[in-house]
Amino acid sequence: MANTARNTTHDRRLSTETKASTKTTELYLYVAAVLAVVITALVVGNGEGGGEDPFGAEQALRYITFLTIGYMVARGLAKSGSRDFYDEHGN
């Protein structure tokens, strides 16, 4: 008689919604953009004539808020349509 037993120990294929944020370039670009805004706000200041700061803390925080909203929307779109697959035993 032939051996007809089958190996039925298959790993299940599971998925997360998407890659972790630290594995994407979005996070690194976001951090770089925020740093650029902060550095620009620190460097651009009152000139020789005094007067108002052309790029002050209030404006810098506004741009950082816009960048944060954009990052959150981008992550939401990324999570809505992609999957990151892995096997049940972590392979």
PDB file of N, CA and C in Angstrom:
ATOM      1  N   MET A   1       0.827  -1.180   0.000  1.00  0.00           N
ATOM      2  CA  MET A   1       0.000   0.000   0.000  1.00  0.00           C
ATOM      3  C   MET A   1       0.872   1.244   0.000  1.00  0.00           C
ATOM      4  N   ALA A   2       0.409   2.225  -0.699  1.00  0.00           N
ATOM      5  CA  ALA A   2       1.144   3.482  -0.771  1.00  0.00           C
ATOM      6  C   ALA A   2       0.762   4.367   0.407  1.00  0.00           C
ATOM      7  N   ASN A   3       1.719   5.143   0.840  1.00  0.00           N
ATOM      8  CA  ASN A   3       1.483   6.072   1.939  1.00  0.00           C
ATOM      9  C   ASN A   3       0.781   7.302   1.385  1.00  0.00           C
ATOM     10  N   THR A   4      -0.490   7.486   1.771  1.00  0.00           N
ATOM     11  CA  THR A   4      -1.275   8.608   1.239  1.00  0.00           C
ATOM     12  C   THR A   4      -1.487   9.709   2.278  1.00  0.00           C
ATOM     13  N   ALA A   5      -0.775   9.606   3.379  1.00  0.00           N
ATOM     14  CA  ALA A   5      -0.925  10.645   4.411  1.00  0.00           C
ATOM     15  C   ALA A   5      -0.313  11.947   3.909  1.00  0.00           C
ATOM     16  N   ARG A   6      -0.992  13.022   4.193  1.00  0.00           N
ATOM     17  CA  ARG A   6      -0.524  14.344   3.762  1.00  0.00           C
ATOM     18  C   ARG A   6      -0.005  15.137   4.953  1.00  0.00           C
ATOM     19  N   ASN A   7       0.964  15.968   4.664  1.00  0.00           N
ATOM     20  CA  ASN A   7       1.463  16.879   5.680  1.00  0.00           C
ATOM     21  C   ASN A   7       0.511  18.077   5.724  1.00  0.00           C
ATOM     22  N   THR A   8      -0.254  18.192   6.778  1.00  0.00           N
ATOM     23  CA  THR A   8      -1.250  19.263   6.872  1.00  0.00           C
ATOM     24  C   THR A   8      -0.835  20.352   7.853  1.00  0.00           C
ATOM     25  N   THR A   9       0.424  20.434   8.156  1.00  0.00           N
ATOM     26  CA  THR A   9       0.893  21.471   9.082  1.00  0.00           C
ATOM     27  C   THR A   9       1.414  22.663   8.294  1.00  0.00           C
ATOM     28  N   HIS A  10       0.501  23.412   7.731  1.00  0.00           N
ATOM     29  CA  HIS A  10       0.856  24.617   6.983  1.00  0.00           C
ATOM     30  C   HIS A  10       0.747  25.821   7.897  1.00  0.00           C
ATOM     31  N   ASP A  11       1.669  26.740   7.741  1.00  0.00           N
ATOM     32  CA  ASP A  11       1.574  27.989   8.488  1.00  0.00           C
ATOM     33  C   ASP A  11       0.463  28.834   7.891  1.00  0.00           C
ATOM     34  N   ARG A  12      -0.290  29.466   8.769  1.00  0.00           N
ATOM     35  CA  ARG A  12      -1.316  30.387   8.280  1.00  0.00           C
ATOM     36  C   ARG A  12      -0.639  31.661   7.795  1.00  0.00           C
ATOM     37  N   ARG A  13      -1.187  32.252   6.775  1.00  0.00           N
ATOM     38  CA  ARG A  13      -0.665  33.505   6.238  1.00  0.00           C
ATOM     39  C   ARG A  13      -1.449  34.641   6.868  1.00  0.00           C
ATOM     40  N   LEU A  14      -0.783  35.447   7.680  1.00  0.00           N
ATOM     41  CA  LEU A  14      -1.428  36.547   8.384  1.00  0.00           C
ATOM     42  C   LEU A  14      -0.934  37.867   7.830  1.00  0.00           C
ATOM     43  N   SER A  15      -1.603  38.949   8.206  1.00  0.00           N
ATOM     44  CA  SER A  15      -1.133  40.257   7.740  1.00  0.00           C
ATOM     45  C   SER A  15      -1.470  41.327   8.756  1.00  0.00           C
ATOM     46  N   THR A  16      -0.660  42.363   8.732  1.00  0.00           N
ATOM     47  CA  THR A  16      -0.959  43.571   9.484  1.00  0.00           C
ATOM     48  C   THR A  16      -1.547  44.553   8.492  1.00  0.00           C
ATOM     49  N   GLU A  17      -2.003  45.701   8.989  1.00  0.00           N
ATOM     50  CA  GLU A  17      -2.578  46.672   8.063  1.00  0.00           C
ATOM     51  C   GLU A  17      -1.531  47.198   7.090  1.00  0.00           C
ATOM     52  N   THR A  18      -0.375  47.498   7.592  1.00  0.00           N
ATOM     53  CA  THR A  18       0.691  48.036   6.752  1.00  0.00           C
ATOM     54  C   THR A  18       2.002  47.957   7.515  1.00  0.00           C
ATOM     55  N   LYS A  19       3.077  48.384   6.885  1.00  0.00           N
ATOM     56  CA  LYS A  19       4.379  48.386   7.554  1.00  0.00           C
ATOM     57  C   LYS A  19       4.376  49.335   8.748  1.00  0.00           C
ATOM     58  N   ALA A  20       5.219  49.042   9.696  1.00  0.00           N
ATOM     59  CA  ALA A  20       5.387  49.959  10.823  1.00  0.00           C
ATOM     60  C   ALA A  20       5.919  51.290  10.302  1.00  0.00           C
ATOM     61  N   SER A  21       5.540  52.369  10.964  1.00  0.00           N
ATOM     62  CA  SER A  21       5.925  53.692  10.462  1.00  0.00           C
ATOM     63  C   SER A  21       7.430  53.883  10.411  1.00  0.00           C
ATOM     64  N   THR A  22       8.171  53.202  11.276  1.00  0.00           N
ATOM     65  CA  THR A  22       9.626  53.362  11.265  1.00  0.00           C
ATOM     66  C   THR A  22      10.275  52.681  10.069  1.00  0.00           C
ATOM     67  N   LYS A  23       9.529  51.852   9.352  1.00  0.00           N
ATOM     68  CA  LYS A  23      10.063  51.182   8.170  1.00  0.00           C
ATOM     69  C   LYS A  23       9.742  51.939   6.883  1.00  0.00           C
ATOM     70  N   THR A  24       9.135  53.094   6.983  1.00  0.00           N
ATOM     71  CA  THR A  24       8.759  53.850   5.793  1.00  0.00           C
ATOM     72  C   THR A  24       9.597  55.114   5.665  1.00  0.00           C
ATOM     73  N   THR A  25       9.698  55.598   4.447  1.00  0.00           N
ATOM     74  CA  THR A  25      10.419  56.854   4.221  1.00  0.00           C
ATOM     75  C   THR A  25       9.579  58.054   4.629  1.00  0.00           C
ATOM     76  N   GLU A  26       8.268  57.867   4.760  1.00  0.00           N
ATOM     77  CA  GLU A  26       7.401  58.980   5.162  1.00  0.00           C
ATOM     78  C   GLU A  26       7.844  59.572   6.496  1.00  0.00           C
ATOM     79  N   LEU A  27       8.144  58.713   7.446  1.00  0.00           N
ATOM     80  CA  LEU A  27       8.540  59.190   8.777  1.00  0.00           C
ATOM     81  C   LEU A  27       9.836  59.984   8.693  1.00  0.00           C
ATOM     82  N   TYR A  28      10.802  59.478   7.973  1.00  0.00           N
ATOM     83  CA  TYR A  28      12.098  60.157   7.887  1.00  0.00           C
ATOM     84  C   TYR A  28      11.981  61.495   7.152  1.00  0.00           C
ATOM     85  N   LEU A  29      11.155  61.541   6.112  1.00  0.00           N
ATOM     86  CA  LEU A  29      10.938  62.809   5.415  1.00  0.00           C
ATOM     87  C   LEU A  29      10.194  63.803   6.298  1.00  0.00           C
ATOM     88  N   TYR A  30       9.240  63.305   7.069  1.00  0.00           N
ATOM     89  CA  TYR A  30       8.508  64.175   7.993  1.00  0.00           C
ATOM     90  C   TYR A  30       9.450  64.778   9.031  1.00  0.00           C
ATOM     91  N   VAL A  31      10.283  63.952   9.639  1.00  0.00           N
ATOM     92  CA  VAL A  31      11.230  64.438  10.655  1.00  0.00           C
ATOM     93  C   VAL A  31      12.198  65.437  10.034  1.00  0.00           C
ATOM     94  N   ALA A  32      12.687  65.156   8.833  1.00  0.00           N
ATOM     95  CA  ALA A  32      13.611  66.075   8.156  1.00  0.00           C
ATOM     96  C   ALA A  32      12.929  67.416   7.862  1.00  0.00           C
ATOM     97  N   ALA A  33      11.677  67.377   7.444  1.00  0.00           N
ATOM     98  CA  ALA A  33      10.959  68.616   7.144  1.00  0.00           C
ATOM     99  C   ALA A  33      10.720  69.435   8.410  1.00  0.00           C
ATOM    100  N   VAL A  34      10.358  68.763   9.499  1.00  0.00           N
ATOM    101  CA  VAL A  34      10.155  69.480  10.763  1.00  0.00           C
ATOM    102  C   VAL A  34      11.469  70.102  11.232  1.00  0.00           C
ATOM    103  N   LEU A  35      12.553  69.361  11.137  1.00  0.00           N
ATOM    104  CA  LEU A  35      13.859  69.917  11.516  1.00  0.00           C
ATOM    105  C   LEU A  35      14.229  71.110  10.644  1.00  0.00           C
ATOM    106  N   ALA A  36      13.918  71.031   9.363  1.00  0.00           N
ATOM    107  CA  ALA A  36      14.209  72.157   8.456  1.00  0.00           C
ATOM    108  C   ALA A  36      13.417  73.395   8.867  1.00  0.00           C
ATOM    109  N   VAL A  37      12.165  73.218   9.244  1.00  0.00           N
ATOM    110  CA  VAL A  37      11.351  74.362   9.684  1.00  0.00           C
ATOM    111  C   VAL A  37      11.920  74.946  10.978  1.00  0.00           C
ATOM    112  N   VAL A  38      12.286  74.091  11.923  1.00  0.00           N
ATOM    113  CA  VAL A  38      12.827  74.566  13.200  1.00  0.00           C
ATOM    114  C   VAL A  38      14.145  75.307  12.993  1.00  0.00           C
ATOM    115  N   ILE A  39      15.034  74.737  12.182  1.00  0.00           N
ATOM    116  CA  ILE A  39      16.332  75.381  11.924  1.00  0.00           C
ATOM    117  C   ILE A  39      16.134  76.714  11.211  1.00  0.00           C
ATOM    118  N   THR A  40      15.223  76.749  10.256  1.00  0.00           N
ATOM    119  CA  THR A  40      14.957  77.998   9.541  1.00  0.00           C
ATOM    120  C   THR A  40      14.410  79.057  10.490  1.00  0.00           C
ATOM    121  N   ALA A  41      13.510  78.644  11.383  1.00  0.00           N
ATOM    122  CA  ALA A  41      12.951  79.610  12.338  1.00  0.00           C
ATOM    123  C   ALA A  41      14.019  80.142  13.278  1.00  0.00           C
ATOM    124  N   LEU A  42      15.003  79.304  13.617  1.00  0.00           N
ATOM    125  CA  LEU A  42      16.086  79.755  14.496  1.00  0.00           C
ATOM    126  C   LEU A  42      17.076  80.660  13.773  1.00  0.00           C
ATOM    127  N   VAL A  43      17.359  80.351  12.515  1.00  0.00           N
ATOM    128  CA  VAL A  43      18.365  81.097  11.764  1.00  0.00           C
ATOM    129  C   VAL A  43      17.831  82.439  11.283  1.00  0.00           C
ATOM    130  N   VAL A  44      16.620  82.436  10.735  1.00  0.00           N
ATOM    131  CA  VAL A  44      16.042  83.675  10.227  1.00  0.00           C
ATOM    132  C   VAL A  44      15.503  84.441  11.424  1.00  0.00           C
ATOM    133  N   GLY A  45      16.086  85.565  11.679  1.00  0.00           N
ATOM    134  CA  GLY A  45      15.679  86.334  12.863  1.00  0.00           C
ATOM    135  C   GLY A  45      15.713  87.808  12.583  1.00  0.00           C
ATOM    136  N   ASN A  46      15.686  88.556  13.645  1.00  0.00           N
ATOM    137  CA  ASN A  46      15.747  90.009  13.516  1.00  0.00           C
ATOM    138  C   ASN A  46      17.070  90.414  12.890  1.00  0.00           C
ATOM    139  N   GLY A  47      16.981  91.273  11.918  1.00  0.00           N
ATOM    140  CA  GLY A  47      18.177  91.751  11.245  1.00  0.00           C
ATOM    141  C   GLY A  47      18.747  92.971  11.933  1.00  0.00           C
ATOM    142  N   GLU A  48      19.532  93.707  11.187  1.00  0.00           N
ATOM    143  CA  GLU A  48      20.197  94.894  11.713  1.00  0.00           C
ATOM    144  C   GLU A  48      19.200  95.964  12.153  1.00  0.00           C
ATOM    145  N   GLY A  49      18.133  96.097  11.411  1.00  0.00           N
ATOM    146  CA  GLY A  49      17.199  97.192  11.678  1.00  0.00           C
ATOM    147  C   GLY A  49      16.189  96.892  12.771  1.00  0.00           C
ATOM    148  N   GLY A  50      16.261  95.746  13.395  1.00  0.00           N
ATOM    149  CA  GLY A  50      15.261  95.405  14.407  1.00  0.00           C
ATOM    150  C   GLY A  50      13.948  95.050  13.726  1.00  0.00           C
ATOM    151  N   GLY A  51      12.854  95.374  14.333  1.00  0.00           N
ATOM    152  CA  GLY A  51      11.549  95.107  13.740  1.00  0.00           C
ATOM    153  C   GLY A  51      11.089  93.689  14.019  1.00  0.00           C
ATOM    154  N   GLU A  52      10.114  93.276  13.244  1.00  0.00           N
ATOM    155  CA  GLU A  52       9.523  91.952  13.453  1.00  0.00           C
ATOM    156  C   GLU A  52      10.383  90.837  12.896  1.00  0.00           C
ATOM    157  N   ASP A  53      10.267  89.691  13.520  1.00  0.00           N
ATOM    158  CA  ASP A  53      10.937  88.482  13.045  1.00  0.00           C
ATOM    159  C   ASP A  53      10.150  87.965  11.835  1.00  0.00           C
ATOM    160  N   PRO A  54      10.777  87.879  10.642  1.00  0.00           N
ATOM    161  CA  PRO A  54      10.032  87.472   9.445  1.00  0.00           C
ATOM    162  C   PRO A  54       9.569  86.012   9.477  1.00  0.00           C
ATOM    163  N   PHE A  55      10.204  85.176  10.272  1.00  0.00           N
ATOM    164  CA  PHE A  55       9.792  83.769  10.377  1.00  0.00           C
ATOM    165  C   PHE A  55       9.911  83.361  11.831  1.00  0.00           C
ATOM    166  N   GLY A  56       8.904  83.711  12.589  1.00  0.00           N
ATOM    167  CA  GLY A  56       8.946  83.495  14.032  1.00  0.00           C
ATOM    168  C   GLY A  56       8.395  82.144  14.443  1.00  0.00           C
ATOM    169  N   ALA A  57       8.307  81.973  15.751  1.00  0.00           N
ATOM    170  CA  ALA A  57       7.863  80.704  16.326  1.00  0.00           C
ATOM    171  C   ALA A  57       6.420  80.385  15.947  1.00  0.00           C
ATOM    172  N   GLU A  58       5.569  81.392  15.902  1.00  0.00           N
ATOM    173  CA  GLU A  58       4.162  81.157  15.569  1.00  0.00           C
ATOM    174  C   GLU A  58       4.011  80.590  14.163  1.00  0.00           C
ATOM    175  N   GLN A  59       4.726  81.189  13.223  1.00  0.00           N
ATOM    176  CA  GLN A  59       4.667  80.709  11.843  1.00  0.00           C
ATOM    177  C   GLN A  59       5.312  79.318  11.718  1.00  0.00           C
ATOM    178  N   ALA A  60       6.398  79.089  12.428  1.00  0.00           N
ATOM    179  CA  ALA A  60       7.053  77.774  12.396  1.00  0.00           C
ATOM    180  C   ALA A  60       6.121  76.699  12.933  1.00  0.00           C
ATOM    181  N   LEU A  61       5.442  76.982  14.041  1.00  0.00           N
ATOM    182  CA  LEU A  61       4.490  76.011  14.588  1.00  0.00           C
ATOM    183  C   LEU A  61       3.335  75.755  13.635  1.00  0.00           C
ATOM    184  N   ARG A  62       2.903  76.776  12.918  1.00  0.00           N
ATOM    185  CA  ARG A  62       1.846  76.592  11.924  1.00  0.00           C
ATOM    186  C   ARG A  62       2.306  75.627  10.830  1.00  0.00           C
ATOM    187  N   TYR A  63       3.531  75.804  10.335  1.00  0.00           N
ATOM    188  CA  TYR A  63       4.045  74.900   9.297  1.00  0.00           C
ATOM    189  C   TYR A  63       4.244  73.481   9.832  1.00  0.00           C
ATOM    190  N   ILE A  64       4.692  73.358  11.064  1.00  0.00           N
ATOM    191  CA  ILE A  64       4.850  72.021  11.661  1.00  0.00           C
ATOM    192  C   ILE A  64       3.490  71.349  11.806  1.00  0.00           C
ATOM    193  N   THR A  65       2.461  72.121  12.162  1.00  0.00           N
ATOM    194  CA  THR A  65       1.103  71.569  12.242  1.00  0.00           C
ATOM    195  C   THR A  65       0.645  71.086  10.875  1.00  0.00           C
ATOM    196  N   PHE A  66       0.888  71.867   9.833  1.00  0.00           N
ATOM    197  CA  PHE A  66       0.520  71.451   8.476  1.00  0.00           C
ATOM    198  C   PHE A  66       1.262  70.179   8.075  1.00  0.00           C
ATOM    199  N   LEU A  67       2.546  70.106   8.403  1.00  0.00           N
ATOM    200  CA  LEU A  67       3.319  68.897   8.093  1.00  0.00           C
ATOM    201  C   LEU A  67       2.777  67.685   8.836  1.00  0.00           C
ATOM    202  N   THR A  68       2.381  67.884  10.089  1.00  0.00           N
ATOM    203  CA  THR A  68       1.836  66.784  10.891  1.00  0.00           C
ATOM    204  C   THR A  68       0.516  66.294  10.316  1.00  0.00           C
ATOM    205  N   ILE A  69      -0.345  67.208   9.914  1.00  0.00           N
ATOM    206  CA  ILE A  69      -1.614  66.821   9.293  1.00  0.00           C
ATOM    207  C   ILE A  69      -1.348  66.049   8.003  1.00  0.00           C
ATOM    208  N   GLY A  70      -0.412  66.534   7.200  1.00  0.00           N
ATOM    209  CA  GLY A  70      -0.070  65.839   5.951  1.00  0.00           C
ATOM    210  C   GLY A  70       0.478  64.448   6.209  1.00  0.00           C
ATOM    211  N   TYR A  71       1.315  64.312   7.234  1.00  0.00           N
ATOM    212  CA  TYR A  71       1.878  63.002   7.575  1.00  0.00           C
ATOM    213  C   TYR A  71       0.772  62.051   8.026  1.00  0.00           C
ATOM    214  N   MET A  72      -0.138  62.546   8.851  1.00  0.00           N
ATOM    215  CA  MET A  72      -1.226  61.694   9.331  1.00  0.00           C
ATOM    216  C   MET A  72      -2.136  61.252   8.188  1.00  0.00           C
ATOM    217  N   VAL A  73      -2.419  62.137   7.249  1.00  0.00           N
ATOM    218  CA  VAL A  73      -3.232  61.764   6.088  1.00  0.00           C
ATOM    219  C   VAL A  73      -2.499  60.737   5.238  1.00  0.00           C
ATOM    220  N   ALA A  74      -1.201  60.933   5.026  1.00  0.00           N
ATOM    221  CA  ALA A  74      -0.423  59.982   4.228  1.00  0.00           C
ATOM    222  C   ALA A  74      -0.400  58.606   4.878  1.00  0.00           C
ATOM    223  N   ARG A  75      -0.225  58.541   6.193  1.00  0.00           N
ATOM    224  CA  ARG A  75      -0.236  57.249   6.899  1.00  0.00           C
ATOM    225  C   ARG A  75      -1.615  56.612   6.823  1.00  0.00           C
ATOM    226  N   GLY A  76      -2.649  57.410   6.935  1.00  0.00           N
ATOM    227  CA  GLY A  76      -4.012  56.876   6.832  1.00  0.00           C
ATOM    228  C   GLY A  76      -4.278  56.273   5.466  1.00  0.00           C
ATOM    229  N   LEU A  77      -3.822  56.956   4.423  1.00  0.00           N
ATOM    230  CA  LEU A  77      -3.991  56.419   3.067  1.00  0.00           C
ATOM    231  C   LEU A  77      -3.169  55.156   2.872  1.00  0.00           C
ATOM    232  N   ALA A  78      -1.985  55.124   3.431  1.00  0.00           N
ATOM    233  CA  ALA A  78      -1.134  53.936   3.304  1.00  0.00           C
ATOM    234  C   ALA A  78      -1.763  52.745   4.019  1.00  0.00           C
ATOM    235  N   LYS A  79      -2.362  52.990   5.165  1.00  0.00           N
ATOM    236  CA  LYS A  79      -2.966  51.897   5.926  1.00  0.00           C
ATOM    237  C   LYS A  79      -4.258  51.411   5.300  1.00  0.00           C
ATOM    238  N   SER A  80      -4.936  52.262   4.561  1.00  0.00           N
ATOM    239  CA  SER A  80      -6.250  51.891   4.046  1.00  0.00           C
ATOM    240  C   SER A  80      -6.196  50.855   2.932  1.00  0.00           C
ATOM    241  N   GLY A  81      -5.070  50.754   2.224  1.00  0.00           N
ATOM    242  CA  GLY A  81      -5.085  49.865   1.073  1.00  0.00           C
ATOM    243  C   GLY A  81      -3.949  48.889   0.955  1.00  0.00           C
ATOM    244  N   SER A  82      -3.184  48.677   2.003  1.00  0.00           N
ATOM    245  CA  SER A  82      -2.053  47.765   1.865  1.00  0.00           C
ATOM    246  C   SER A  82      -1.982  46.811   3.033  1.00  0.00           C
ATOM    247  N   ARG A  83      -1.309  45.719   2.801  1.00  0.00           N
ATOM    248  CA  ARG A  83      -1.118  44.708   3.832  1.00  0.00           C
ATOM    249  C   ARG A  83       0.343  44.331   3.899  1.00  0.00           C
ATOM    250  N   ASP A  84       0.821  43.991   5.082  1.00  0.00           N
ATOM    251  CA  ASP A  84       2.173  43.491   5.288  1.00  0.00           C
ATOM    252  C   ASP A  84       2.026  42.052   5.761  1.00  0.00           C
ATOM    253  N   PHE A  85       2.339  41.083   4.888  1.00  0.00           N
ATOM    254  CA  PHE A  85       2.098  39.678   5.178  1.00  0.00           C
ATOM    255  C   PHE A  85       3.238  39.049   5.970  1.00  0.00           C
ATOM    256  N   TYR A  86       2.883  38.084   6.807  1.00  0.00           N
ATOM    257  CA  TYR A  86       3.858  37.299   7.546  1.00  0.00           C
ATOM    258  C   TYR A  86       3.231  35.942   7.868  1.00  0.00           C
ATOM    259  N   ASP A  87       4.064  34.941   8.137  1.00  0.00           N
ATOM    260  CA  ASP A  87       3.584  33.611   8.478  1.00  0.00           C
ATOM    261  C   ASP A  87       3.267  33.534   9.967  1.00  0.00           C
ATOM    262  N   GLU A  88       2.485  32.545  10.326  1.00  0.00           N
ATOM    263  CA  GLU A  88       2.049  32.391  11.702  1.00  0.00           C
ATOM    264  C   GLU A  88       3.219  32.274  12.682  1.00  0.00           C
ATOM    265  N   HIS A  89       4.311  31.656  12.244  1.00  0.00           N
ATOM    266  CA  HIS A  89       5.462  31.447  13.121  1.00  0.00           C
ATOM    267  C   HIS A  89       6.551  32.498  12.919  1.00  0.00           C
ATOM    268  N   GLY A  90       6.183  33.648  12.322  1.00  0.00           N
ATOM    269  CA  GLY A  90       7.105  34.761  12.200  1.00  0.00           C
ATOM    270  C   GLY A  90       8.064  34.687  11.026  1.00  0.00           C
ATOM    271  N   ASN A  91       7.804  33.862  10.044  1.00  0.00           N
ATOM    272  CA  ASN A  91       8.698  33.738   8.873  1.00  0.00           C
ATOM    273  C   ASN A  91       8.329  34.722   7.801  1.00  0.00           C
TER     274      ASN A  91
END
